Amino acid sequence: MAKKSASEGVYRVTDVIGTSTVSWEDAAKNAVNAASKSLRDLRIAEVEKMDMKVEDGKVVAYRTRVSLSFKYEA
């Protein structure tokens, strides 16, 4: 029987949104850090969308939607 390569398997994908008052990069990092507390074996984080929250004509928050993939365990 052939051995499975390390990259074989089933992965699940979920979207999370991180926020930051500093930058989109910090917002993305916050999303990954928060998700890693409840999701195991994160593999890929892909930025899907970035936007800003604006109040009174000023940017008050950066938001980043991140698509995360992690190994599926049945």
Protein backbone atom coordinates (compact mmCIF):
# COMPACT_ATOMS: atom_id res chain seq x y z
CA MET A 1 0.00 0.00 0.00
CA ALA A 2 1.35 3.45 -0.93
CA LYS A 3 2.10 5.94 1.82
CA LYS A 4 0.02 9.09 1.94
CA SER A 5 1.90 12.30 1.40
CA ALA A 6 1.86 14.88 4.19
CA SER A 7 -0.32 17.21 2.09
CA GLU A 8 -3.17 14.75 1.54
CA GLY A 9 -6.31 15.18 3.56
CA VAL A 10 -9.54 17.08 3.84
CA TYR A 11 -9.61 20.73 4.79
CA ARG A 12 -12.41 22.97 5.94
CA VAL A 13 -12.64 26.68 5.11
CA THR A 14 -14.29 29.35 7.23
CA ASP A 15 -14.39 33.15 7.10
CA VAL A 16 -13.61 35.39 10.05
CA ILE A 17 -13.44 39.18 10.32
CA GLY A 18 -10.76 40.87 12.38
CA THR A 19 -10.77 44.50 13.45
CA SER A 20 -8.09 46.98 14.45
CA THR A 21 -7.77 50.69 15.08
CA VAL A 22 -4.22 50.56 13.65
CA SER A 23 -4.20 48.85 10.23
CA TRP A 24 -5.64 46.18 7.94
CA GLU A 25 -2.57 44.03 8.64
CA ASP A 26 -3.27 44.15 12.38
CA ALA A 27 -6.92 43.36 11.70
CA ALA A 28 -5.90 40.25 9.72
CA LYS A 29 -3.49 39.17 12.46
CA ASN A 30 -6.20 39.67 15.08
CA ALA A 31 -8.57 37.47 13.07
CA VAL A 32 -6.01 34.65 12.81
CA ASN A 33 -4.98 34.93 16.46
CA ALA A 34 -8.58 34.80 17.67
CA ALA A 35 -9.47 31.88 15.38
CA SER A 36 -6.40 29.90 16.45
CA LYS A 37 -7.81 29.75 19.99
CA SER A 38 -10.69 27.52 18.87
CA LEU A 39 -9.56 26.05 15.52
CA ARG A 40 -6.74 23.52 15.39
CA ASP A 41 -4.19 22.99 12.67
CA LEU A 42 -4.74 26.23 10.73
CA ARG A 43 -3.02 25.98 7.35
CA ILE A 44 -3.80 28.97 5.11
CA ALA A 45 -5.10 32.47 5.74
CA GLU A 46 -6.26 34.39 2.67
CA VAL A 47 -7.38 38.01 2.84
CA GLU A 48 -10.73 38.20 1.04
CA LYS A 49 -11.85 41.76 1.69
CA MET A 50 -10.75 44.90 3.50
CA ASP A 51 -12.90 47.82 4.57
CA MET A 52 -12.98 50.64 7.09
CA LYS A 53 -15.49 51.89 9.59
CA VAL A 54 -15.90 55.65 9.24
CA GLU A 55 -17.48 57.99 11.78
CA ASP A 56 -17.75 61.75 11.35
CA GLY A 57 -15.52 61.55 8.28
CA LYS A 58 -12.68 59.79 10.13
CA VAL A 59 -11.48 56.20 10.00
CA VAL A 60 -12.18 54.61 13.38
CA ALA A 61 -11.51 50.95 12.54
CA TYR A 62 -9.97 48.72 9.90
CA ARG A 63 -11.72 45.44 9.12
CA THR A 64 -10.27 42.48 7.27
CA ARG A 65 -12.22 39.39 6.17
CA VAL A 66 -9.92 36.38 6.21
CA SER A 67 -10.67 32.96 4.77
CA LEU A 68 -9.00 30.30 6.95
CA SER A 69 -8.40 26.68 6.08
CA PHE A 70 -7.74 24.01 8.66
CA LYS A 71 -7.47 20.24 8.65
CA TYR A 72 -10.85 18.54 8.97
CA GLU A 73 -11.05 15.91 11.68
CA ALA A 74 -14.15 13.73 11.65
